[in-house]
All heavy atoms as atom14 arrays in JSON, in Angstrom:
{
  "sequence": "QMNSLKPEDTAVYYCNAQQSTIIREYEYWGR",
  "atom14_mask": [
    [1, 1, 1, 1, 1, 1, 1, 1, 1, 0, 0, 0, 0, 0],
    [1, 1, 1, 1, 1, 1, 1, 1, 0, 0, 0, 0, 0, 0],
    [1, 1, 1, 1, 1, 1, 1, 1, 0, 0, 0, 0, 0, 0],
    [1, 1, 1, 1, 1, 1, 0, 0, 0, 0, 0, 0, 0, 0],
    [1, 1, 1, 1, 1, 1, 1, 1, 0, 0, 0, 0, 0, 0],
    [1, 1, 1, 1, 1, 1, 1, 1, 1, 0, 0, 0, 0, 0],
    [1, 1, 1, 1, 1, 1, 1, 0, 0, 0, 0, 0, 0, 0],
    [1, 1, 1, 1, 1, 1, 1, 1, 1, 0, 0, 0, 0, 0],
    [1, 1, 1, 1, 1, 1, 1, 1, 0, 0, 0, 0, 0, 0],
    [1, 1, 1, 1, 1, 1, 1, 0, 0, 0, 0, 0, 0, 0],
    [1, 1, 1, 1, 1, 0, 0, 0, 0, 0, 0, 0, 0, 0],
    [1, 1, 1, 1, 1, 1, 1, 0, 0, 0, 0, 0, 0, 0],
    [1, 1, 1, 1, 1, 1, 1, 1, 1, 1, 1, 1, 0, 0],
    [1, 1, 1, 1, 1, 1, 1, 1, 1, 1, 1, 1, 0, 0],
    [1, 1, 1, 1, 1, 1, 0, 0, 0, 0, 0, 0, 0, 0],
    [1, 1, 1, 1, 1, 1, 1, 1, 0, 0, 0, 0, 0, 0],
    [1, 1, 1, 1, 1, 0, 0, 0, 0, 0, 0, 0, 0, 0],
    [1, 1, 1, 1, 1, 1, 1, 1, 1, 0, 0, 0, 0, 0],
    [1, 1, 1, 1, 1, 1, 1, 1, 1, 0, 0, 0, 0, 0],
    [1, 1, 1, 1, 1, 1, 0, 0, 0, 0, 0, 0, 0, 0],
    [1, 1, 1, 1, 1, 1, 1, 0, 0, 0, 0, 0, 0, 0],
    [1, 1, 1, 1, 1, 1, 1, 1, 0, 0, 0, 0, 0, 0],
    [1, 1, 1, 1, 1, 1, 1, 1, 0, 0, 0, 0, 0, 0],
    [1, 1, 1, 1, 1, 1, 1, 1, 1, 1, 1, 0, 0, 0],
    [1, 1, 1, 1, 1, 1, 1, 1, 1, 0, 0, 0, 0, 0],
    [1, 1, 1, 1, 1, 1, 1, 1, 1, 1, 1, 1, 0, 0],
    [1, 1, 1, 1, 1, 1, 1, 1, 1, 0, 0, 0, 0, 0],
    [1, 1, 1, 1, 1, 1, 1, 1, 1, 1, 1, 1, 0, 0],
    [1, 1, 1, 1, 1, 1, 1, 1, 1, 1, 1, 1, 1, 1],
    [1, 1, 1, 1, 0, 0, 0, 0, 0, 0, 0, 0, 0, 0],
    [1, 1, 1, 1, 1, 1, 1, 1, 1, 1, 1, 0, 0, 0]
  ],
  "atom14_positions": [
    [[130.36, 91.66, 81.83], [130.04, 92.75, 80.93], [129.84, 92.16, 79.54], [130.74, 91.54, 78.99], [131.16, 93.79, 80.9], [130.91, 94.95, 79.96], [129.75, 95.82, 80.39], [129.64, 96.18, 81.55], [128.87, 96.14, 79.45], [0.0, 0.0, 0.0], [0.0, 0.0, 0.0], [0.0, 0.0, 0.0], [0.0, 0.0, 0.0], [0.0, 0.0, 0.0]],
    [[128.67, 92.36, 78.98], [128.31, 91.8, 77.69], [128.07, 92.93, 76.71], [127.13, 93.71, 76.87], [127.07, 90.91, 77.8], [127.21, 89.8, 78.83], [125.78, 88.68, 78.85], [124.51, 89.81, 79.42], [0.0, 0.0, 0.0], [0.0, 0.0, 0.0], [0.0, 0.0, 0.0], [0.0, 0.0, 0.0], [0.0, 0.0, 0.0], [0.0, 0.0, 0.0]],
    [[128.91, 93.01, 75.7], [128.8, 94.02, 74.66], [128.51, 93.36, 73.32], [128.72, 92.17, 73.14], [130.09, 94.84, 74.57], [130.41, 95.6, 75.83], [129.53, 96.07, 76.54], [131.71, 95.74, 76.12], [0.0, 0.0, 0.0], [0.0, 0.0, 0.0], [0.0, 0.0, 0.0], [0.0, 0.0, 0.0], [0.0, 0.0, 0.0], [0.0, 0.0, 0.0]],
    [[128.05, 94.17, 72.39], [127.75, 93.68, 71.04], [126.89, 92.42, 71.08], [127.18, 91.43, 70.41], [129.04, 93.42, 70.27], [129.83, 94.59, 70.19], [0.0, 0.0, 0.0], [0.0, 0.0, 0.0], [0.0, 0.0, 0.0], [0.0, 0.0, 0.0], [0.0, 0.0, 0.0], [0.0, 0.0, 0.0], [0.0, 0.0, 0.0], [0.0, 0.0, 0.0]],
    [[125.84, 92.47, 71.85], [125.01, 91.29, 72.04], [124.32, 90.86, 70.75], [123.94, 91.69, 69.93], [123.97, 91.56, 73.13], [124.52, 91.5, 74.56], [123.59, 92.19, 75.53], [124.74, 90.04, 74.97], [0.0, 0.0, 0.0], [0.0, 0.0, 0.0], [0.0, 0.0, 0.0], [0.0, 0.0, 0.0], [0.0, 0.0, 0.0], [0.0, 0.0, 0.0]],
    [[124.17, 89.56, 70.63], [123.55, 88.95, 69.48], [122.33, 88.14, 69.92], [122.27, 87.69, 71.06], [124.53, 88.02, 68.76], [125.83, 88.67, 68.33], [126.78, 87.64, 67.74], [128.08, 88.28, 67.31], [129.02, 87.28, 66.75], [0.0, 0.0, 0.0], [0.0, 0.0, 0.0], [0.0, 0.0, 0.0], [0.0, 0.0, 0.0], [0.0, 0.0, 0.0]],
    [[121.37, 87.93, 69.02], [120.23, 87.08, 69.4], [120.65, 85.69, 69.88], [119.96, 85.12, 70.74], [119.43, 86.99, 68.09], [119.74, 88.26, 67.39], [121.18, 88.54, 67.7], [0.0, 0.0, 0.0], [0.0, 0.0, 0.0], [0.0, 0.0, 0.0], [0.0, 0.0, 0.0], [0.0, 0.0, 0.0], [0.0, 0.0, 0.0], [0.0, 0.0, 0.0]],
    [[121.75, 85.18, 69.38], [122.25, 83.88, 69.8], [122.69, 83.86, 71.26], [122.89, 82.78, 71.83], [123.43, 83.44, 68.92], [123.13, 83.43, 67.44], [123.42, 84.77, 66.77], [124.59, 84.99, 66.4], [122.48, 85.57, 66.63], [0.0, 0.0, 0.0], [0.0, 0.0, 0.0], [0.0, 0.0, 0.0], [0.0, 0.0, 0.0], [0.0, 0.0, 0.0]],
    [[122.86, 85.02, 71.86], [123.23, 85.11, 73.28], [122.03, 84.93, 74.19], [122.2, 84.85, 75.42], [123.9, 86.45, 73.58], [125.21, 86.63, 72.84], [126.0, 85.67, 72.77], [125.45, 87.75, 72.33], [0.0, 0.0, 0.0], [0.0, 0.0, 0.0], [0.0, 0.0, 0.0], [0.0, 0.0, 0.0], [0.0, 0.0, 0.0], [0.0, 0.0, 0.0]],
    [[120.84, 84.89, 73.64], [119.64, 84.73, 74.44], [119.67, 83.42, 75.2], [119.84, 82.35, 74.62], [118.39, 84.79, 73.55], [118.29, 86.09, 72.96], [117.13, 84.52, 74.37], [0.0, 0.0, 0.0], [0.0, 0.0, 0.0], [0.0, 0.0, 0.0], [0.0, 0.0, 0.0], [0.0, 0.0, 0.0], [0.0, 0.0, 0.0], [0.0, 0.0, 0.0]],
    [[119.53, 83.5, 76.51], [119.6, 82.33, 77.37], [119.35, 82.75, 78.81], [119.3, 83.94, 79.12], [120.97, 81.65, 77.26], [0.0, 0.0, 0.0], [0.0, 0.0, 0.0], [0.0, 0.0, 0.0], [0.0, 0.0, 0.0], [0.0, 0.0, 0.0], [0.0, 0.0, 0.0], [0.0, 0.0, 0.0], [0.0, 0.0, 0.0], [0.0, 0.0, 0.0]],
    [[119.2, 81.76, 79.66], [119.25, 82.0, 81.09], [120.7, 81.89, 81.52], [121.37, 80.9, 81.23], [118.39, 80.99, 81.88], [118.51, 81.24, 83.37], [116.93, 81.09, 81.44], [0.0, 0.0, 0.0], [0.0, 0.0, 0.0], [0.0, 0.0, 0.0], [0.0, 0.0, 0.0], [0.0, 0.0, 0.0], [0.0, 0.0, 0.0], [0.0, 0.0, 0.0]],
    [[121.18, 82.91, 82.19], [122.57, 82.96, 82.63], [122.65, 82.65, 84.11], [121.92, 83.22, 84.92], [123.18, 84.34, 82.34], [123.51, 84.55, 80.88], [122.49, 84.69, 79.94], [124.83, 84.58, 80.46], [122.79, 84.87, 78.6], [125.13, 84.76, 79.11], [124.12, 84.9, 78.19], [124.41, 85.07, 76.85], [0.0, 0.0, 0.0], [0.0, 0.0, 0.0]],
    [[123.56, 81.74, 84.46], [123.72, 81.28, 85.83], [125.1, 81.61, 86.36], [126.1, 81.41, 85.68], [123.53, 79.76, 85.91], [122.17, 79.26, 85.49], [121.92, 78.91, 84.18], [121.15, 79.14, 86.43], [120.67, 78.45, 83.79], [119.91, 78.67, 86.05], [119.68, 78.33, 84.73], [118.44, 77.86, 84.36], [0.0, 0.0, 0.0], [0.0, 0.0, 0.0]],
    [[125.12, 82.09, 87.58], [126.38, 82.29, 88.28], [126.82, 80.98, 88.92], [126.0, 80.22, 89.42], [126.23, 83.38, 89.34], [127.75, 83.81, 90.21], [0.0, 0.0, 0.0], [0.0, 0.0, 0.0], [0.0, 0.0, 0.0], [0.0, 0.0, 0.0], [0.0, 0.0, 0.0], [0.0, 0.0, 0.0], [0.0, 0.0, 0.0], [0.0, 0.0, 0.0]],
    [[128.11, 80.75, 88.92], [128.67, 79.5, 89.44], [129.91, 79.79, 90.26], [130.7, 80.67, 89.92], [129.02, 78.57, 88.27], [129.84, 77.37, 88.68], [131.07, 77.39, 88.6], [129.17, 76.33, 89.13], [0.0, 0.0, 0.0], [0.0, 0.0, 0.0], [0.0, 0.0, 0.0], [0.0, 0.0, 0.0], [0.0, 0.0, 0.0], [0.0, 0.0, 0.0]],
    [[130.05, 79.05, 91.35], [131.25, 79.15, 92.18], [131.75, 77.75, 92.48], [130.95, 76.86, 92.79], [130.96, 79.91, 93.47], [0.0, 0.0, 0.0], [0.0, 0.0, 0.0], [0.0, 0.0, 0.0], [0.0, 0.0, 0.0], [0.0, 0.0, 0.0], [0.0, 0.0, 0.0], [0.0, 0.0, 0.0], [0.0, 0.0, 0.0], [0.0, 0.0, 0.0]],
    [[133.05, 77.56, 92.39], [133.65, 76.26, 92.61], [134.77, 76.35, 93.63], [135.55, 77.29, 93.62], [134.19, 75.69, 91.3], [133.14, 75.42, 90.25], [133.73, 74.9, 88.96], [134.95, 74.92, 88.76], [132.87, 74.44, 88.07], [0.0, 0.0, 0.0], [0.0, 0.0, 0.0], [0.0, 0.0, 0.0], [0.0, 0.0, 0.0], [0.0, 0.0, 0.0]],
    [[134.81, 75.34, 94.48], [135.89, 75.21, 95.44], [136.41, 73.79, 95.37], [135.65, 72.84, 95.59], [135.4, 75.54, 96.86], [136.5, 75.46, 97.91], [135.99, 75.78, 99.3], [134.8, 75.65, 99.59], [136.89, 76.21, 100.17], [0.0, 0.0, 0.0], [0.0, 0.0, 0.0], [0.0, 0.0, 0.0], [0.0, 0.0, 0.0], [0.0, 0.0, 0.0]],
    [[137.66, 73.66, 95.06], [138.26, 72.34, 94.87], [139.18, 72.0, 96.03], [139.92, 72.86, 96.53], [139.05, 72.29, 93.57], [138.2, 72.49, 92.45], [0.0, 0.0, 0.0], [0.0, 0.0, 0.0], [0.0, 0.0, 0.0], [0.0, 0.0, 0.0], [0.0, 0.0, 0.0], [0.0, 0.0, 0.0], [0.0, 0.0, 0.0], [0.0, 0.0, 0.0]],
    [[139.13, 70.75, 96.43], [140.07, 70.2, 97.4], [140.7, 68.97, 96.77], [140.33, 68.54, 95.68], [139.38, 69.81, 98.71], [138.54, 68.67, 98.5], [138.53, 70.96, 99.24], [0.0, 0.0, 0.0], [0.0, 0.0, 0.0], [0.0, 0.0, 0.0], [0.0, 0.0, 0.0], [0.0, 0.0, 0.0], [0.0, 0.0, 0.0], [0.0, 0.0, 0.0]],
    [[141.66, 68.4, 97.46], [142.29, 67.19, 96.93], [141.34, 66.0, 96.99], [141.59, 64.98, 96.36], [143.59, 66.86, 97.68], [143.32, 66.65, 99.17], [144.62, 67.96, 97.48], [144.52, 66.14, 99.94], [0.0, 0.0, 0.0], [0.0, 0.0, 0.0], [0.0, 0.0, 0.0], [0.0, 0.0, 0.0], [0.0, 0.0, 0.0], [0.0, 0.0, 0.0]],
    [[140.25, 66.15, 97.72], [139.28, 65.07, 97.86], [138.14, 65.18, 96.86], [137.78, 64.21, 96.18], [138.72, 65.01, 99.3], [139.85, 64.8, 100.3], [137.68, 63.91, 99.42], [139.41, 64.86, 101.75], [0.0, 0.0, 0.0], [0.0, 0.0, 0.0], [0.0, 0.0, 0.0], [0.0, 0.0, 0.0], [0.0, 0.0, 0.0], [0.0, 0.0, 0.0]],
    [[137.55, 66.37, 96.76], [136.41, 66.56, 95.87], [136.21, 68.04, 95.58], [136.86, 68.9, 96.17], [135.14, 65.96, 96.45], [134.69, 66.61, 97.76], [133.4, 66.0, 98.23], [132.96, 66.54, 99.51], [131.81, 66.26, 100.1], [130.97, 65.41, 99.52], [131.51, 66.8, 101.27], [0.0, 0.0, 0.0], [0.0, 0.0, 0.0], [0.0, 0.0, 0.0]],
    [[135.29, 68.29, 94.66], [134.97, 69.65, 94.26], [133.58, 70.04, 94.77], [132.62, 69.27, 94.66], [135.01, 69.78, 92.74], [134.73, 71.18, 92.23], [134.83, 71.27, 90.73], [135.93, 71.54, 90.23], [133.8, 71.05, 90.06], [0.0, 0.0, 0.0], [0.0, 0.0, 0.0], [0.0, 0.0, 0.0], [0.0, 0.0, 0.0], [0.0, 0.0, 0.0]],
    [[133.49, 71.23, 95.33], [132.22, 71.79, 95.76], [131.77, 72.81, 94.73], [132.57, 73.6, 94.23], [132.35, 72.46, 97.13], [132.76, 71.53, 98.23], [134.1, 71.25, 98.47], [131.8, 70.91, 99.04], [134.48, 70.39, 99.49], [132.17, 70.05, 100.06], [133.51, 69.79, 100.28], [133.87, 68.93, 101.29], [0.0, 0.0, 0.0], [0.0, 0.0, 0.0]],
    [[130.49, 72.81, 94.42], [129.97, 73.67, 93.39], [128.65, 74.29, 93.83], [127.79, 73.61, 94.39], [129.77, 72.88, 92.09], [129.5, 73.73, 90.87], [129.6, 72.93, 89.6], [128.9, 71.89, 89.51], [130.38, 73.31, 88.71], [0.0, 0.0, 0.0], [0.0, 0.0, 0.0], [0.0, 0.0, 0.0], [0.0, 0.0, 0.0], [0.0, 0.0, 0.0]],
    [[128.48, 75.58, 93.54], [127.28, 76.31, 93.91], [126.73, 77.05, 92.7], [127.48, 77.48, 91.83], [127.59, 77.3, 95.04], [128.26, 76.67, 96.23], [129.64, 76.67, 96.35], [127.51, 76.07, 97.23], [130.26, 76.08, 97.44], [128.12, 75.48, 98.32], [129.49, 75.48, 98.42], [130.1, 74.89, 99.51], [0.0, 0.0, 0.0], [0.0, 0.0, 0.0]],
    [[125.41, 77.21, 92.69], [124.74, 77.84, 91.56], [123.74, 78.88, 92.01], [123.06, 78.71, 93.03], [123.99, 76.79, 90.73], [124.88, 75.81, 90.04], [125.28, 74.59, 90.51], [125.48, 75.96, 88.75], [126.09, 73.97, 89.6], [126.24, 74.78, 88.51], [125.45, 76.96, 87.79], [126.95, 74.6, 87.32], [126.17, 76.77, 86.62], [126.9, 75.6, 86.4]],
    [[123.64, 79.94, 91.23], [122.57, 80.89, 91.41], [121.31, 80.4, 90.72], [121.3, 79.36, 90.06], [0.0, 0.0, 0.0], [0.0, 0.0, 0.0], [0.0, 0.0, 0.0], [0.0, 0.0, 0.0], [0.0, 0.0, 0.0], [0.0, 0.0, 0.0], [0.0, 0.0, 0.0], [0.0, 0.0, 0.0], [0.0, 0.0, 0.0], [0.0, 0.0, 0.0]],
    [[120.22, 81.14, 90.87], [118.95, 80.74, 90.29], [118.82, 81.07, 88.81], [117.96, 80.53, 88.13], [117.8, 81.38, 91.06], [117.66, 80.91, 92.49], [116.61, 81.7, 93.23], [116.97, 83.1, 93.33], [116.18, 84.03, 93.84], [114.98, 83.72, 94.28], [116.6, 85.29, 93.89], [0.0, 0.0, 0.0], [0.0, 0.0, 0.0], [0.0, 0.0, 0.0]]
  ]
}
């Protein structure tokens, strides 16, 4: 939820998901 938006907020916004194990981290991205 983004309120009081400013011109400086202009950007491409990406969703990210992370899953960590003791061995390595898995990471996923939206478009």
